[in-house]
N, C-alpha and C. Protein backbone atom coordinates (compact mmCIF):
# COMPACT_ATOMS: atom_id res chain seq x y z
N MET A 1 -8.01 33.59 -28.49
CA MET A 1 -8.38 32.24 -28.89
C MET A 1 -8.17 31.31 -27.70
N ILE A 2 -9.18 30.54 -27.36
CA ILE A 2 -9.10 29.61 -26.24
C ILE A 2 -8.70 28.24 -26.78
N VAL A 3 -7.66 27.67 -26.18
CA VAL A 3 -7.19 26.34 -26.57
C VAL A 3 -7.60 25.37 -25.47
N SER A 4 -8.22 24.27 -25.87
CA SER A 4 -8.71 23.31 -24.88
C SER A 4 -7.56 22.61 -24.18
N THR A 5 -7.85 22.12 -22.98
CA THR A 5 -6.87 21.38 -22.21
C THR A 5 -6.46 20.12 -22.96
N MET A 6 -7.43 19.47 -23.61
CA MET A 6 -7.13 18.25 -24.38
C MET A 6 -6.11 18.55 -25.46
N THR A 7 -6.26 19.68 -26.16
CA THR A 7 -5.32 20.05 -27.21
C THR A 7 -3.94 20.27 -26.62
N ASN A 8 -3.86 20.94 -25.47
CA ASN A 8 -2.56 21.16 -24.83
C ASN A 8 -1.90 19.84 -24.47
N HIS A 9 -2.68 18.89 -23.94
CA HIS A 9 -2.13 17.59 -23.59
C HIS A 9 -1.65 16.84 -24.83
N LEU A 10 -2.42 16.91 -25.89
CA LEU A 10 -2.02 16.25 -27.13
C LEU A 10 -0.77 16.90 -27.72
N ASP A 11 -0.70 18.22 -27.68
CA ASP A 11 0.49 18.92 -28.16
C ASP A 11 1.72 18.47 -27.38
N SER A 12 1.57 18.41 -26.07
CA SER A 12 2.66 17.98 -25.20
C SER A 12 3.04 16.53 -25.49
N PHE A 13 2.04 15.67 -25.67
CA PHE A 13 2.28 14.26 -25.97
C PHE A 13 3.07 14.11 -27.26
N PHE A 14 2.58 14.73 -28.35
CA PHE A 14 3.23 14.56 -29.64
C PHE A 14 4.60 15.22 -29.68
N ALA A 15 4.77 16.33 -28.98
CA ALA A 15 6.09 16.95 -28.90
C ALA A 15 7.08 16.03 -28.19
N ALA A 16 6.62 15.41 -27.11
CA ALA A 16 7.49 14.49 -26.37
C ALA A 16 7.82 13.26 -27.21
N MET A 17 6.86 12.76 -27.94
CA MET A 17 7.05 11.54 -28.72
C MET A 17 7.78 11.80 -30.05
N ALA A 18 8.05 13.04 -30.37
CA ALA A 18 8.73 13.37 -31.62
C ALA A 18 10.20 12.97 -31.62
N ASP A 19 10.75 12.71 -30.45
CA ASP A 19 12.17 12.40 -30.35
C ASP A 19 12.39 10.89 -30.24
N PRO A 20 13.31 10.33 -31.01
CA PRO A 20 13.53 8.87 -30.96
C PRO A 20 14.03 8.37 -29.61
N THR A 21 14.81 9.16 -28.90
CA THR A 21 15.27 8.74 -27.57
C THR A 21 14.09 8.60 -26.63
N ARG A 22 13.20 9.57 -26.65
CA ARG A 22 12.04 9.52 -25.76
C ARG A 22 11.10 8.38 -26.14
N ARG A 23 10.95 8.13 -27.44
CA ARG A 23 10.12 6.99 -27.86
C ARG A 23 10.74 5.68 -27.37
N ALA A 24 12.06 5.58 -27.43
CA ALA A 24 12.74 4.37 -26.96
C ALA A 24 12.54 4.18 -25.46
N VAL A 25 12.56 5.26 -24.71
CA VAL A 25 12.33 5.18 -23.26
C VAL A 25 10.91 4.67 -23.01
N ILE A 26 9.94 5.22 -23.72
CA ILE A 26 8.55 4.77 -23.54
C ILE A 26 8.43 3.30 -23.90
N GLU A 27 9.04 2.88 -25.00
CA GLU A 27 8.98 1.48 -25.40
C GLU A 27 9.57 0.57 -24.31
N ARG A 28 10.66 1.02 -23.70
CA ARG A 28 11.26 0.22 -22.63
C ARG A 28 10.35 0.18 -21.41
N LEU A 29 9.74 1.31 -21.06
CA LEU A 29 8.91 1.37 -19.86
C LEU A 29 7.60 0.60 -20.00
N VAL A 30 7.20 0.29 -21.22
CA VAL A 30 6.02 -0.56 -21.42
C VAL A 30 6.26 -1.92 -20.77
N GLU A 31 7.50 -2.35 -20.74
CA GLU A 31 7.86 -3.63 -20.12
C GLU A 31 7.81 -3.57 -18.59
N GLY A 32 7.90 -2.38 -18.03
CA GLY A 32 7.87 -2.22 -16.58
C GLY A 32 8.77 -1.07 -16.15
N PRO A 33 8.66 -0.66 -14.88
CA PRO A 33 9.47 0.44 -14.37
C PRO A 33 10.97 0.13 -14.49
N ALA A 34 11.77 1.20 -14.55
CA ALA A 34 13.21 1.03 -14.65
C ALA A 34 13.92 2.18 -13.94
N ALA A 35 15.09 1.89 -13.44
CA ALA A 35 15.93 2.92 -12.82
C ALA A 35 16.49 3.82 -13.92
N VAL A 36 16.72 5.07 -13.58
CA VAL A 36 17.28 6.03 -14.54
C VAL A 36 18.58 5.50 -15.12
N GLY A 37 19.43 4.93 -14.28
CA GLY A 37 20.71 4.39 -14.76
C GLY A 37 20.53 3.32 -15.82
N GLU A 38 19.56 2.45 -15.63
CA GLU A 38 19.27 1.40 -16.61
C GLU A 38 18.78 2.01 -17.91
N LEU A 39 17.88 2.96 -17.83
CA LEU A 39 17.36 3.61 -19.03
C LEU A 39 18.47 4.35 -19.77
N HIS A 40 19.32 5.04 -19.02
CA HIS A 40 20.41 5.82 -19.61
C HIS A 40 21.42 4.93 -20.31
N ALA A 41 21.69 3.75 -19.75
CA ALA A 41 22.71 2.85 -20.29
C ALA A 41 22.45 2.45 -21.74
N ALA A 42 21.21 2.46 -22.15
CA ALA A 42 20.86 2.06 -23.52
C ALA A 42 21.09 3.17 -24.54
N HIS A 43 21.50 4.35 -24.09
CA HIS A 43 21.63 5.50 -24.99
C HIS A 43 23.04 6.08 -24.94
N ASP A 44 23.56 6.42 -26.09
CA ASP A 44 24.91 6.96 -26.22
C ASP A 44 24.86 8.48 -26.09
N MET A 45 24.68 8.94 -24.85
CA MET A 45 24.65 10.37 -24.58
C MET A 45 25.03 10.60 -23.13
N THR A 46 25.33 11.84 -22.81
CA THR A 46 25.69 12.16 -21.43
C THR A 46 24.46 12.05 -20.54
N LEU A 47 24.68 11.81 -19.26
CA LEU A 47 23.56 11.71 -18.32
C LEU A 47 22.75 13.01 -18.28
N PRO A 48 23.39 14.20 -18.22
CA PRO A 48 22.56 15.43 -18.22
C PRO A 48 21.66 15.55 -19.45
N SER A 49 22.17 15.16 -20.62
CA SER A 49 21.33 15.20 -21.83
C SER A 49 20.17 14.23 -21.70
N PHE A 50 20.45 13.04 -21.19
CA PHE A 50 19.39 12.04 -21.03
C PHE A 50 18.35 12.51 -20.02
N LEU A 51 18.80 13.14 -18.95
CA LEU A 51 17.87 13.64 -17.93
C LEU A 51 16.94 14.71 -18.49
N ARG A 52 17.42 15.49 -19.46
CA ARG A 52 16.55 16.47 -20.12
C ARG A 52 15.42 15.76 -20.87
N HIS A 53 15.73 14.62 -21.49
CA HIS A 53 14.69 13.84 -22.16
C HIS A 53 13.66 13.34 -21.14
N LEU A 54 14.13 12.85 -20.01
CA LEU A 54 13.19 12.39 -18.98
C LEU A 54 12.33 13.53 -18.46
N LYS A 55 12.93 14.72 -18.36
CA LYS A 55 12.18 15.89 -17.89
C LYS A 55 11.04 16.22 -18.87
N VAL A 56 11.31 16.12 -20.15
CA VAL A 56 10.27 16.36 -21.17
C VAL A 56 9.15 15.33 -21.03
N LEU A 57 9.53 14.07 -20.85
CA LEU A 57 8.53 13.02 -20.69
C LEU A 57 7.69 13.24 -19.43
N GLU A 58 8.33 13.65 -18.36
CA GLU A 58 7.59 13.92 -17.12
C GLU A 58 6.66 15.13 -17.28
N ALA A 59 7.16 16.17 -17.92
CA ALA A 59 6.34 17.37 -18.12
C ALA A 59 5.11 17.08 -18.97
N SER A 60 5.23 16.12 -19.89
CA SER A 60 4.09 15.77 -20.74
C SER A 60 3.14 14.81 -20.05
N GLY A 61 3.53 14.29 -18.89
CA GLY A 61 2.69 13.36 -18.15
C GLY A 61 2.85 11.91 -18.59
N LEU A 62 3.77 11.66 -19.50
CA LEU A 62 3.95 10.30 -20.00
C LEU A 62 4.66 9.39 -19.00
N VAL A 63 5.47 9.97 -18.14
CA VAL A 63 6.16 9.18 -17.11
C VAL A 63 6.12 9.93 -15.79
N ARG A 64 6.35 9.18 -14.73
CA ARG A 64 6.56 9.77 -13.41
C ARG A 64 7.74 9.05 -12.81
N SER A 65 8.36 9.66 -11.82
CA SER A 65 9.50 9.01 -11.20
C SER A 65 9.41 9.15 -9.69
N GLU A 66 10.04 8.19 -9.02
CA GLU A 66 10.11 8.18 -7.56
C GLU A 66 11.54 7.91 -7.17
N LYS A 67 11.98 8.61 -6.13
CA LYS A 67 13.33 8.39 -5.65
C LYS A 67 13.26 7.68 -4.32
N LYS A 68 13.94 6.54 -4.24
CA LYS A 68 14.06 5.79 -3.00
C LYS A 68 15.55 5.60 -2.75
N GLY A 69 16.03 6.24 -1.70
CA GLY A 69 17.46 6.20 -1.45
C GLY A 69 18.18 6.93 -2.56
N ARG A 70 19.11 6.23 -3.18
CA ARG A 70 19.90 6.84 -4.26
C ARG A 70 19.37 6.47 -5.65
N VAL A 71 18.31 5.71 -5.70
CA VAL A 71 17.80 5.22 -6.99
C VAL A 71 16.50 5.93 -7.35
N ARG A 72 16.49 6.51 -8.54
CA ARG A 72 15.26 7.11 -9.09
C ARG A 72 14.69 6.12 -10.10
N THR A 73 13.45 5.71 -9.85
CA THR A 73 12.77 4.75 -10.72
C THR A 73 11.71 5.50 -11.54
N VAL A 74 11.64 5.15 -12.82
CA VAL A 74 10.73 5.81 -13.74
C VAL A 74 9.61 4.83 -14.11
N TYR A 75 8.38 5.34 -14.10
CA TYR A 75 7.18 4.55 -14.40
C TYR A 75 6.44 5.20 -15.56
N ILE A 76 5.83 4.38 -16.40
CA ILE A 76 5.02 4.92 -17.50
C ILE A 76 3.64 5.28 -16.96
N GLU A 77 3.02 6.29 -17.54
CA GLU A 77 1.66 6.70 -17.20
C GLU A 77 0.78 6.45 -18.41
N ALA A 78 -0.26 5.69 -18.23
CA ALA A 78 -1.10 5.25 -19.36
C ALA A 78 -2.06 6.33 -19.88
N ALA A 79 -2.49 7.25 -19.04
CA ALA A 79 -3.54 8.19 -19.44
C ALA A 79 -3.19 9.00 -20.69
N PRO A 80 -1.99 9.58 -20.80
CA PRO A 80 -1.69 10.33 -22.03
C PRO A 80 -1.66 9.45 -23.27
N LEU A 81 -1.19 8.22 -23.11
CA LEU A 81 -1.19 7.30 -24.25
C LEU A 81 -2.61 6.98 -24.69
N ALA A 82 -3.49 6.76 -23.73
CA ALA A 82 -4.89 6.46 -24.05
C ALA A 82 -5.56 7.66 -24.70
N ALA A 83 -5.27 8.87 -24.22
CA ALA A 83 -5.87 10.08 -24.80
C ALA A 83 -5.42 10.25 -26.25
N ALA A 84 -4.14 10.01 -26.53
CA ALA A 84 -3.64 10.13 -27.90
C ALA A 84 -4.26 9.04 -28.79
N GLU A 85 -4.39 7.85 -28.25
CA GLU A 85 -5.00 6.76 -29.00
C GLU A 85 -6.46 7.09 -29.34
N ASP A 86 -7.19 7.66 -28.40
CA ASP A 86 -8.58 8.07 -28.65
C ASP A 86 -8.65 9.12 -29.74
N TRP A 87 -7.75 10.11 -29.68
CA TRP A 87 -7.74 11.18 -30.67
C TRP A 87 -7.44 10.60 -32.06
N LEU A 88 -6.43 9.72 -32.13
CA LEU A 88 -6.09 9.11 -33.41
C LEU A 88 -7.24 8.27 -33.96
N ALA A 89 -7.94 7.56 -33.09
CA ALA A 89 -9.09 6.75 -33.53
C ALA A 89 -10.19 7.65 -34.09
N ARG A 90 -10.44 8.80 -33.45
CA ARG A 90 -11.45 9.73 -33.97
C ARG A 90 -11.03 10.26 -35.34
N GLN A 91 -9.75 10.59 -35.50
CA GLN A 91 -9.26 11.09 -36.78
C GLN A 91 -9.40 10.01 -37.85
N ARG A 92 -9.08 8.78 -37.48
CA ARG A 92 -9.20 7.68 -38.45
C ARG A 92 -10.65 7.51 -38.90
N ARG A 93 -11.60 7.53 -37.94
CA ARG A 93 -13.02 7.39 -38.30
C ARG A 93 -13.45 8.53 -39.21
N LEU A 94 -13.02 9.73 -38.90
CA LEU A 94 -13.36 10.90 -39.72
C LEU A 94 -12.86 10.73 -41.15
N TRP A 95 -11.60 10.38 -41.30
CA TRP A 95 -11.02 10.25 -42.64
C TRP A 95 -11.53 9.03 -43.37
N GLU A 96 -11.79 7.94 -42.67
CA GLU A 96 -12.38 6.77 -43.33
C GLU A 96 -13.76 7.11 -43.87
N GLY A 97 -14.54 7.87 -43.10
CA GLY A 97 -15.86 8.30 -43.56
C GLY A 97 -15.76 9.17 -44.80
N ARG A 98 -14.81 10.09 -44.80
CA ARG A 98 -14.62 10.96 -45.96
C ARG A 98 -14.19 10.17 -47.18
N LEU A 99 -13.27 9.24 -46.98
CA LEU A 99 -12.81 8.42 -48.10
C LEU A 99 -13.91 7.51 -48.63
N ASP A 100 -14.75 6.99 -47.73
CA ASP A 100 -15.89 6.16 -48.16
C ASP A 100 -16.85 6.99 -49.01
N ARG A 101 -17.13 8.23 -48.58
CA ARG A 101 -18.03 9.10 -49.36
C ARG A 101 -17.41 9.44 -50.72
N LEU A 102 -16.10 9.67 -50.73
CA LEU A 102 -15.41 9.97 -51.99
C LEU A 102 -15.47 8.75 -52.92
N ALA A 103 -15.24 7.57 -52.39
CA ALA A 103 -15.31 6.34 -53.21
C ALA A 103 -16.72 6.15 -53.77
N ALA A 104 -17.73 6.43 -52.95
CA ALA A 104 -19.12 6.30 -53.42
C ALA A 104 -19.39 7.31 -54.53
N LEU A 105 -18.89 8.52 -54.39
CA LEU A 105 -19.07 9.54 -55.42
C LEU A 105 -18.39 9.13 -56.72
N VAL A 106 -17.17 8.64 -56.62
CA VAL A 106 -16.45 8.19 -57.81
C VAL A 106 -17.21 7.05 -58.49
N ALA A 107 -17.70 6.10 -57.70
CA ALA A 107 -18.46 4.99 -58.27
C ALA A 107 -19.72 5.49 -58.96
N GLU A 108 -20.39 6.45 -58.35
CA GLU A 108 -21.60 7.01 -58.94
C GLU A 108 -21.28 7.75 -60.24
N LEU A 109 -20.18 8.50 -60.25
CA LEU A 109 -19.78 9.21 -61.46
C LEU A 109 -19.39 8.23 -62.57
N GLU A 110 -18.67 7.18 -62.21
CA GLU A 110 -18.30 6.17 -63.20
C GLU A 110 -19.53 5.47 -63.75
N LYS A 111 -20.48 5.20 -62.88
CA LYS A 111 -21.73 4.56 -63.30
C LYS A 111 -22.48 5.47 -64.27
N GLY A 112 -22.49 6.75 -63.98
CA GLY A 112 -23.16 7.71 -64.85
C GLY A 112 -22.49 7.80 -66.21
N GLU A 113 -21.18 7.67 -66.26
CA GLU A 113 -20.45 7.72 -67.54
C GLU A 113 -20.74 6.49 -68.38
N THR A 114 -20.85 5.34 -67.77
CA THR A 114 -21.09 4.12 -68.55
C THR A 114 -22.52 4.04 -69.04
N ASN A 115 -23.45 4.73 -68.39
CA ASN A 115 -24.85 4.71 -68.79
C ASN A 115 -25.19 5.83 -69.75
N ASP A 116 -24.26 6.72 -69.99
CA ASP A 116 -24.49 7.87 -70.87
C ASP A 116 -24.41 7.42 -72.33
N PRO A 117 -25.55 7.44 -73.05
CA PRO A 117 -25.56 6.95 -74.45
C PRO A 117 -24.83 7.91 -75.39
N ASP A 118 -24.72 9.18 -75.03
CA ASP A 118 -24.10 10.17 -75.91
C ASP A 118 -22.79 10.63 -75.30
N PRO A 119 -21.62 10.12 -75.76
CA PRO A 119 -20.34 10.47 -75.16
C PRO A 119 -19.93 11.88 -75.32
């Protein structure tokens, strides 16, 4: 079975976003880049544990980091967020269309019941 690259990226995105710590990091990075120390300070966990979360985010492509001197700065990457947003929008359109067709069918069935002279 061949799995598309898009599916792999989405799987990686949703796996990374499944954790509240990683979601909090992404929410913070929306405001702008931040040093690892600043990001870590907001979380009650050891630095090695926090670095594992950053590694997951980097592996998924959601963030990138640069080291200048002794400071590692983390930046958000928009492409995976946009890809997930596109996928969710397609799913929403698909399900809205299905629900619209179901509502139309129910309305048609109800109309048929009210017009039926013989119950």
